[in-house]
Amino acid sequence: MTKGSLVLCGVGGQGLIAAGRIVGYALLLGGYRVRVAEVHGLAQRGGSVVVHVRYARQGALAPIISEGRADAVIALELIE
């Protein structure tokens, strides 16, 4: 695959930001260009956390994935 996008979502304290960084690093080791963006407003209080991971072999990458455009979603919480 030459490009893709992944959304990880859940609540604060589940390790989503760490998971996003691990996935991003693995993609870097695989030769991809990577952007990882985190949205964690009330994460410390059990609020929603969303991590956007975009990768491509070449070309420009926007950091945020538009709604409905992710290739895969990993949700760690039913409410997400």
PDB file of N, CA and C in Angstrom:
ATOM      1  N   MET A   1       0.844  -1.175   0.000  1.00  0.00           N
ATOM      2  CA  MET A   1       0.000   0.000   0.000  1.00  0.00           C
ATOM      3  C   MET A   1       0.894   1.246   0.000  1.00  0.00           C
ATOM      4  N   THR A   2       0.559   2.217  -0.823  1.00  0.00           N
ATOM      5  CA  THR A   2       1.394   3.412  -0.926  1.00  0.00           C
ATOM      6  C   THR A   2       0.965   4.534   0.005  1.00  0.00           C
ATOM      7  N   LYS A   3      -0.299   4.530   0.463  1.00  0.00           N
ATOM      8  CA  LYS A   3      -0.745   5.543   1.417  1.00  0.00           C
ATOM      9  C   LYS A   3      -1.951   5.026   2.188  1.00  0.00           C
ATOM     10  N   GLY A   4      -2.211   5.662   3.324  1.00  0.00           N
ATOM     11  CA  GLY A   4      -3.350   5.247   4.116  1.00  0.00           C
ATOM     12  C   GLY A   4      -3.562   6.150   5.306  1.00  0.00           C
ATOM     13  N   SER A   5      -4.646   5.894   6.010  1.00  0.00           N
ATOM     14  CA  SER A   5      -4.968   6.686   7.188  1.00  0.00           C
ATOM     15  C   SER A   5      -5.654   5.799   8.219  1.00  0.00           C
ATOM     16  N   LEU A   6      -5.339   6.053   9.479  1.00  0.00           N
ATOM     17  CA  LEU A   6      -5.833   5.249  10.585  1.00  0.00           C
ATOM     18  C   LEU A   6      -6.280   6.176  11.702  1.00  0.00           C
ATOM     19  N   VAL A   7      -7.428   5.885  12.296  1.00  0.00           N
ATOM     20  CA  VAL A   7      -7.916   6.642  13.443  1.00  0.00           C
ATOM     21  C   VAL A   7      -7.970   5.704  14.635  1.00  0.00           C
ATOM     22  N   LEU A   8      -7.358   6.127  15.746  1.00  0.00           N
ATOM     23  CA  LEU A   8      -7.452   5.404  17.007  1.00  0.00           C
ATOM     24  C   LEU A   8      -8.278   6.272  17.935  1.00  0.00           C
ATOM     25  N   CYS A   9      -9.301   5.710  18.576  1.00  0.00           N
ATOM     26  CA  CYS A   9     -10.138   6.526  19.452  1.00  0.00           C
ATOM     27  C   CYS A   9     -10.536   5.756  20.702  1.00  0.00           C
ATOM     28  N   GLY A  10     -10.781   6.511  21.755  1.00  0.00           N
ATOM     29  CA  GLY A  10     -11.168   5.950  23.038  1.00  0.00           C
ATOM     30  C   GLY A  10     -11.282   7.066  24.053  1.00  0.00           C
ATOM     31  N   VAL A  11     -10.972   6.760  25.311  1.00  0.00           N
ATOM     32  CA  VAL A  11     -11.030   7.772  26.360  1.00  0.00           C
ATOM     33  C   VAL A  11      -9.655   7.922  27.003  1.00  0.00           C
ATOM     34  N   GLY A  12      -9.481   9.039  27.705  1.00  0.00           N
ATOM     35  CA  GLY A  12      -8.210   9.324  28.345  1.00  0.00           C
ATOM     36  C   GLY A  12      -7.774   8.210  29.285  1.00  0.00           C
ATOM     37  N   GLY A  13      -6.481   7.908  29.241  1.00  0.00           N
ATOM     38  CA  GLY A  13      -5.921   6.893  30.124  1.00  0.00           C
ATOM     39  C   GLY A  13      -5.776   5.522  29.508  1.00  0.00           C
ATOM     40  N   GLN A  14      -6.231   5.330  28.279  1.00  0.00           N
ATOM     41  CA  GLN A  14      -6.146   4.016  27.635  1.00  0.00           C
ATOM     42  C   GLN A  14      -4.845   3.812  26.854  1.00  0.00           C
ATOM     43  N   GLY A  15      -4.014   4.820  26.755  1.00  0.00           N
ATOM     44  CA  GLY A  15      -2.748   4.682  26.044  1.00  0.00           C
ATOM     45  C   GLY A  15      -2.832   4.926  24.556  1.00  0.00           C
ATOM     46  N   LEU A  16      -3.840   5.657  24.113  1.00  0.00           N
ATOM     47  CA  LEU A  16      -4.011   5.900  22.681  1.00  0.00           C
ATOM     48  C   LEU A  16      -2.892   6.748  22.088  1.00  0.00           C
ATOM     49  N   ILE A  17      -2.433   7.744  22.824  1.00  0.00           N
ATOM     50  CA  ILE A  17      -1.367   8.599  22.304  1.00  0.00           C
ATOM     51  C   ILE A  17      -0.089   7.783  22.146  1.00  0.00           C
ATOM     52  N   ALA A  18       0.219   6.938  23.132  1.00  0.00           N
ATOM     53  CA  ALA A  18       1.379   6.055  23.014  1.00  0.00           C
ATOM     54  C   ALA A  18       1.211   5.089  21.854  1.00  0.00           C
ATOM     55  N   ALA A  19       0.013   4.531  21.697  1.00  0.00           N
ATOM     56  CA  ALA A  19      -0.242   3.597  20.599  1.00  0.00           C
ATOM     57  C   ALA A  19      -0.059   4.280  19.247  1.00  0.00           C
ATOM     58  N   GLY A  20      -0.533   5.516  19.119  1.00  0.00           N
ATOM     59  CA  GLY A  20      -0.362   6.268  17.877  1.00  0.00           C
ATOM     60  C   GLY A  20       1.098   6.497  17.543  1.00  0.00           C
ATOM     61  N   ARG A  21       1.891   6.804  18.567  1.00  0.00           N
ATOM     62  CA  ARG A  21       3.327   7.010  18.353  1.00  0.00           C
ATOM     63  C   ARG A  21       4.022   5.714  17.961  1.00  0.00           C
ATOM     64  N   ILE A  22       3.623   4.604  18.556  1.00  0.00           N
ATOM     65  CA  ILE A  22       4.214   3.308  18.213  1.00  0.00           C
ATOM     66  C   ILE A  22       3.878   2.933  16.767  1.00  0.00           C
ATOM     67  N   VAL A  23       2.625   3.108  16.380  1.00  0.00           N
ATOM     68  CA  VAL A  23       2.219   2.816  14.995  1.00  0.00           C
ATOM     69  C   VAL A  23       2.984   3.726  14.031  1.00  0.00           C
ATOM     70  N   GLY A  24       3.068   5.012  14.356  1.00  0.00           N
ATOM     71  CA  GLY A  24       3.797   5.953  13.505  1.00  0.00           C
ATOM     72  C   GLY A  24       5.260   5.578  13.357  1.00  0.00           C
ATOM     73  N   TYR A  25       5.894   5.188  14.453  1.00  0.00           N
ATOM     74  CA  TYR A  25       7.303   4.803  14.404  1.00  0.00           C
ATOM     75  C   TYR A  25       7.502   3.542  13.561  1.00  0.00           C
ATOM     76  N   ALA A  26       6.595   2.580  13.709  1.00  0.00           N
ATOM     77  CA  ALA A  26       6.678   1.358  12.905  1.00  0.00           C
ATOM     78  C   ALA A  26       6.562   1.675  11.413  1.00  0.00           C
ATOM     79  N   LEU A  27       5.669   2.604  11.073  1.00  0.00           N
ATOM     80  CA  LEU A  27       5.529   3.006   9.667  1.00  0.00           C
ATOM     81  C   LEU A  27       6.784   3.724   9.170  1.00  0.00           C
ATOM     82  N   LEU A  28       7.388   4.552  10.032  1.00  0.00           N
ATOM     83  CA  LEU A  28       8.653   5.201   9.660  1.00  0.00           C
ATOM     84  C   LEU A  28       9.726   4.157   9.354  1.00  0.00           C
ATOM     85  N   LEU A  29       9.821   3.145  10.197  1.00  0.00           N
ATOM     86  CA  LEU A  29      10.796   2.077   9.965  1.00  0.00           C
ATOM     87  C   LEU A  29      10.508   1.323   8.673  1.00  0.00           C
ATOM     88  N   GLY A  30       9.239   1.305   8.262  1.00  0.00           N
ATOM     89  CA  GLY A  30       8.851   0.650   7.012  1.00  0.00           C
ATOM     90  C   GLY A  30       9.066   1.518   5.787  1.00  0.00           C
ATOM     91  N   GLY A  31       9.612   2.724   5.966  1.00  0.00           N
ATOM     92  CA  GLY A  31       9.931   3.587   4.837  1.00  0.00           C
ATOM     93  C   GLY A  31       8.840   4.565   4.448  1.00  0.00           C
ATOM     94  N   TYR A  32       7.824   4.731   5.275  1.00  0.00           N
ATOM     95  CA  TYR A  32       6.734   5.662   4.972  1.00  0.00           C
ATOM     96  C   TYR A  32       7.013   7.043   5.561  1.00  0.00           C
ATOM     97  N   ARG A  33       6.432   8.050   4.947  1.00  0.00           N
ATOM     98  CA  ARG A  33       6.348   9.389   5.537  1.00  0.00           C
ATOM     99  C   ARG A  33       5.123   9.352   6.433  1.00  0.00           C
ATOM    100  N   VAL A  34       5.207   9.919   7.629  1.00  0.00           N
ATOM    101  CA  VAL A  34       4.143   9.754   8.618  1.00  0.00           C
ATOM    102  C   VAL A  34       3.790  11.088   9.259  1.00  0.00           C
ATOM    103  N   ARG A  35       2.496  11.283   9.518  1.00  0.00           N
ATOM    104  CA  ARG A  35       1.986  12.394  10.326  1.00  0.00           C
ATOM    105  C   ARG A  35       1.090  11.788  11.399  1.00  0.00           C
ATOM    106  N   VAL A  36       1.311  12.180  12.652  1.00  0.00           N
ATOM    107  CA  VAL A  36       0.466  11.741  13.758  1.00  0.00           C
ATOM    108  C   VAL A  36      -0.077  12.992  14.433  1.00  0.00           C
ATOM    109  N   ALA A  37      -1.394  13.087  14.556  1.00  0.00           N
ATOM    110  CA  ALA A  37      -2.031  14.233  15.205  1.00  0.00           C
ATOM    111  C   ALA A  37      -2.944  13.712  16.310  1.00  0.00           C
ATOM    112  N   GLU A  38      -2.924  14.403  17.445  1.00  0.00           N
ATOM    113  CA  GLU A  38      -3.709  13.982  18.605  1.00  0.00           C
ATOM    114  C   GLU A  38      -4.722  15.050  18.969  1.00  0.00           C
ATOM    115  N   VAL A  39      -5.927  14.623  19.282  1.00  0.00           N
ATOM    116  CA  VAL A  39      -6.969  15.516  19.774  1.00  0.00           C
ATOM    117  C   VAL A  39      -7.388  14.953  21.124  1.00  0.00           C
ATOM    118  N   HIS A  40      -6.997  15.662  22.180  1.00  0.00           N
ATOM    119  CA  HIS A  40      -7.279  15.143  23.519  1.00  0.00           C
ATOM    120  C   HIS A  40      -7.662  16.274  24.461  1.00  0.00           C
ATOM    121  N   GLY A  41      -8.852  16.813  24.239  1.00  0.00           N
ATOM    122  CA  GLY A  41      -9.326  17.932  25.039  1.00  0.00           C
ATOM    123  C   GLY A  41      -9.461  17.643  26.520  1.00  0.00           C
ATOM    124  N   LEU A  42     -10.342  16.752  26.911  1.00  0.00           N
ATOM    125  CA  LEU A  42     -10.571  16.448  28.315  1.00  0.00           C
ATOM    126  C   LEU A  42     -10.042  15.060  28.657  1.00  0.00           C
ATOM    127  N   ALA A  43      -8.940  14.673  28.059  1.00  0.00           N
ATOM    128  CA  ALA A  43      -8.422  13.321  28.214  1.00  0.00           C
ATOM    129  C   ALA A  43      -8.127  12.972  29.667  1.00  0.00           C
ATOM    130  N   GLN A  44      -7.654  13.917  30.457  1.00  0.00           N
ATOM    131  CA  GLN A  44      -7.298  13.618  31.839  1.00  0.00           C
ATOM    132  C   GLN A  44      -8.522  13.321  32.694  1.00  0.00           C
ATOM    133  N   ARG A  45      -9.680  13.665  32.232  1.00  0.00           N
ATOM    134  CA  ARG A  45     -10.912  13.435  32.985  1.00  0.00           C
ATOM    135  C   ARG A  45     -11.754  12.321  32.379  1.00  0.00           C
ATOM    136  N   GLY A  46     -11.139  11.461  31.612  1.00  0.00           N
ATOM    137  CA  GLY A  46     -11.885  10.373  30.983  1.00  0.00           C
ATOM    138  C   GLY A  46     -12.620  10.802  29.732  1.00  0.00           C
ATOM    139  N   GLY A  47     -12.242  11.945  29.177  1.00  0.00           N
ATOM    140  CA  GLY A  47     -12.871  12.446  27.963  1.00  0.00           C
ATOM    141  C   GLY A  47     -12.350  11.756  26.719  1.00  0.00           C
ATOM    142  N   SER A  48     -12.921  12.107  25.609  1.00  0.00           N
ATOM    143  CA  SER A  48     -12.591  11.497  24.323  1.00  0.00           C
ATOM    144  C   SER A  48     -11.169  11.840  23.869  1.00  0.00           C
ATOM    145  N   VAL A  49     -10.500  10.849  23.298  1.00  0.00           N
ATOM    146  CA  VAL A  49      -9.179  11.024  22.706  1.00  0.00           C
ATOM    147  C   VAL A  49      -9.222  10.425  21.305  1.00  0.00           C
ATOM    148  N   VAL A  50      -8.735  11.175  20.329  1.00  0.00           N
ATOM    149  CA  VAL A  50      -8.668  10.698  18.951  1.00  0.00           C
ATOM    150  C   VAL A  50      -7.257  10.931  18.433  1.00  0.00           C
ATOM    151  N   VAL A  51      -6.653   9.902  17.859  1.00  0.00           N
ATOM    152  CA  VAL A  51      -5.319   9.999  17.275  1.00  0.00           C
ATOM    153  C   VAL A  51      -5.441   9.700  15.783  1.00  0.00           C
ATOM    154  N   HIS A  52      -4.944  10.616  14.960  1.00  0.00           N
ATOM    155  CA  HIS A  52      -4.963  10.465  13.503  1.00  0.00           C
ATOM    156  C   HIS A  52      -3.564  10.070  13.048  1.00  0.00           C
ATOM    157  N   VAL A  53      -3.457   8.984  12.294  1.00  0.00           N
ATOM    158  CA  VAL A  53      -2.174   8.546  11.744  1.00  0.00           C
ATOM    159  C   VAL A  53      -2.330   8.481  10.229  1.00  0.00           C
ATOM    160  N   ARG A  54      -1.534   9.265   9.530  1.00  0.00           N
ATOM    161  CA  ARG A  54      -1.548   9.239   8.056  1.00  0.00           C
ATOM    162  C   ARG A  54      -0.159   8.853   7.577  1.00  0.00           C
ATOM    163  N   TYR A  55      -0.107   8.074   6.511  1.00  0.00           N
ATOM    164  CA  TYR A  55       1.181   7.630   5.997  1.00  0.00           C
ATOM    165  C   TYR A  55       1.133   7.519   4.484  1.00  0.00           C
ATOM    166  N   ALA A  56       2.295   7.714   3.866  1.00  0.00           N
ATOM    167  CA  ALA A  56       2.414   7.628   2.405  1.00  0.00           C
ATOM    168  C   ALA A  56       3.874   7.420   2.044  1.00  0.00           C
ATOM    169  N   ARG A  57       4.086   6.836   0.897  1.00  0.00           N
ATOM    170  CA  ARG A  57       5.460   6.677   0.399  1.00  0.00           C
ATOM    171  C   ARG A  57       6.028   8.003  -0.096  1.00  0.00           C
ATOM    172  N   GLN A  58       5.155   8.854  -0.641  1.00  0.00           N
ATOM    173  CA  GLN A  58       5.598  10.165  -1.136  1.00  0.00           C
ATOM    174  C   GLN A  58       4.427  11.125  -1.129  1.00  0.00           C
ATOM    175  N   GLY A  59       4.717  12.400  -1.290  1.00  0.00           N
ATOM    176  CA  GLY A  59       3.671  13.410  -1.342  1.00  0.00           C
ATOM    177  C   GLY A  59       3.397  14.051   0.008  1.00  0.00           C
ATOM    178  N   ALA A  60       2.590  15.097  -0.037  1.00  0.00           N
ATOM    179  CA  ALA A  60       2.251  15.854   1.161  1.00  0.00           C
ATOM    180  C   ALA A  60       1.144  15.148   1.943  1.00  0.00           C
ATOM    181  N   LEU A  61       1.183  15.290   3.256  1.00  0.00           N
ATOM    182  CA  LEU A  61       0.189  14.674   4.133  1.00  0.00           C
ATOM    183  C   LEU A  61      -0.433  15.720   5.040  1.00  0.00           C
ATOM    184  N   ALA A  62      -1.745  15.807   5.052  1.00  0.00           N
ATOM    185  CA  ALA A  62      -2.437  16.659   6.011  1.00  0.00           C
ATOM    186  C   ALA A  62      -2.494  15.887   7.332  1.00  0.00           C
ATOM    187  N   PRO A  63      -2.380  16.570   8.470  1.00  0.00           N
ATOM    188  CA  PRO A  63      -2.332  15.834   9.739  1.00  0.00           C
ATOM    189  C   PRO A  63      -3.673  15.280  10.212  1.00  0.00           C
ATOM    190  N   ILE A  64      -4.785  15.888   9.833  1.00  0.00           N
ATOM    191  CA  ILE A  64      -6.096  15.469  10.320  1.00  0.00           C
ATOM    192  C   ILE A  64      -6.854  14.738   9.206  1.00  0.00           C
ATOM    193  N   ILE A  65      -7.495  13.637   9.566  1.00  0.00           N
ATOM    194  CA  ILE A  65      -8.277  12.844   8.624  1.00  0.00           C
ATOM    195  C   ILE A  65      -9.715  13.355   8.653  1.00  0.00           C
ATOM    196  N   SER A  66     -10.270  13.655   7.508  1.00  0.00           N
ATOM    197  CA  SER A  66     -11.649  14.128   7.417  1.00  0.00           C
ATOM    198  C   SER A  66     -12.620  13.031   7.834  1.00  0.00           C
ATOM    199  N   GLU A  67     -13.776  13.438   8.337  1.00  0.00           N
ATOM    200  CA  GLU A  67     -14.788  12.483   8.788  1.00  0.00           C
ATOM    201  C   GLU A  67     -15.179  11.533   7.656  1.00  0.00           C
ATOM    202  N   GLY A  68     -15.177  10.249   7.951  1.00  0.00           N
ATOM    203  CA  GLY A  68     -15.559   9.233   6.975  1.00  0.00           C
ATOM    204  C   GLY A  68     -14.476   8.855   5.983  1.00  0.00           C
ATOM    205  N   ARG A  69     -13.262   9.387   6.121  1.00  0.00           N
ATOM    206  CA  ARG A  69     -12.203   9.145   5.139  1.00  0.00           C
ATOM    207  C   ARG A  69     -11.090   8.220   5.630  1.00  0.00           C
ATOM    208  N   ALA A  70     -11.167   7.715   6.843  1.00  0.00           N
ATOM    209  CA  ALA A  70     -10.125   6.824   7.360  1.00  0.00           C
ATOM    210  C   ALA A  70     -10.215   5.452   6.684  1.00  0.00           C
ATOM    211  N   ASP A  71      -9.072   4.839   6.481  1.00  0.00           N
ATOM    212  CA  ASP A  71      -9.032   3.482   5.935  1.00  0.00           C
ATOM    213  C   ASP A  71      -9.356   2.452   7.011  1.00  0.00           C
ATOM    214  N   ALA A  72      -9.045   2.795   8.263  1.00  0.00           N
ATOM    215  CA  ALA A  72      -9.327   1.890   9.378  1.00  0.00           C
ATOM    216  C   ALA A  72      -9.540   2.714  10.642  1.00  0.00           C
ATOM    217  N   VAL A  73     -10.373   2.184  11.535  1.00  0.00           N
ATOM    218  CA  VAL A  73     -10.636   2.815  12.823  1.00  0.00           C
ATOM    219  C   VAL A  73     -10.428   1.761  13.902  1.00  0.00           C
ATOM    220  N   ILE A  74      -9.625   2.105  14.906  1.00  0.00           N
ATOM    221  CA  ILE A  74      -9.464   1.247  16.059  1.00  0.00           C
ATOM    222  C   ILE A  74     -10.090   1.974  17.234  1.00  0.00           C
ATOM    223  N   ALA A  75     -11.213   1.462  17.710  1.00  0.00           N
ATOM    224  CA  ALA A  75     -11.950   2.087  18.821  1.00  0.00           C
ATOM    225  C   ALA A  75     -11.804   1.204  20.055  1.00  0.00           C
ATOM    226  N   LEU A  76     -11.332   1.789  21.148  1.00  0.00           N
ATOM    227  CA  LEU A  76     -11.128   1.037  22.376  1.00  0.00           C
ATOM    228  C   LEU A  76     -12.294   1.184  23.355  1.00  0.00           C
ATOM    229  N   GLU A  77     -13.314   1.902  22.942  1.00  0.00           N
ATOM    230  CA  GLU A  77     -14.459   2.160  23.814  1.00  0.00           C
ATOM    231  C   GLU A  77     -15.718   2.116  22.975  1.00  0.00           C
ATOM    232  N   LEU A  78     -16.770   1.472  23.454  1.00  0.00           N
ATOM    233  CA  LEU A  78     -18.023   1.363  22.694  1.00  0.00           C
ATOM    234  C   LEU A  78     -18.630   2.711  22.347  1.00  0.00           C
ATOM    235  N   ILE A  79     -18.489   3.705  23.238  1.00  0.00           N
ATOM    236  CA  ILE A  79     -19.102   5.014  22.981  1.00  0.00           C
ATOM    237  C   ILE A  79     -18.430   5.767  21.850  1.00  0.00           C
ATOM    238  N   GLU A  80     -17.243   5.340  21.484  1.00  0.00           N
ATOM    239  CA  GLU A  80     -16.517   6.020  20.413  1.00  0.00           C
ATOM    240  C   GLU A  80     -16.967   5.513  19.058  1.00  0.00           C
TER     241      GLU A  80
END
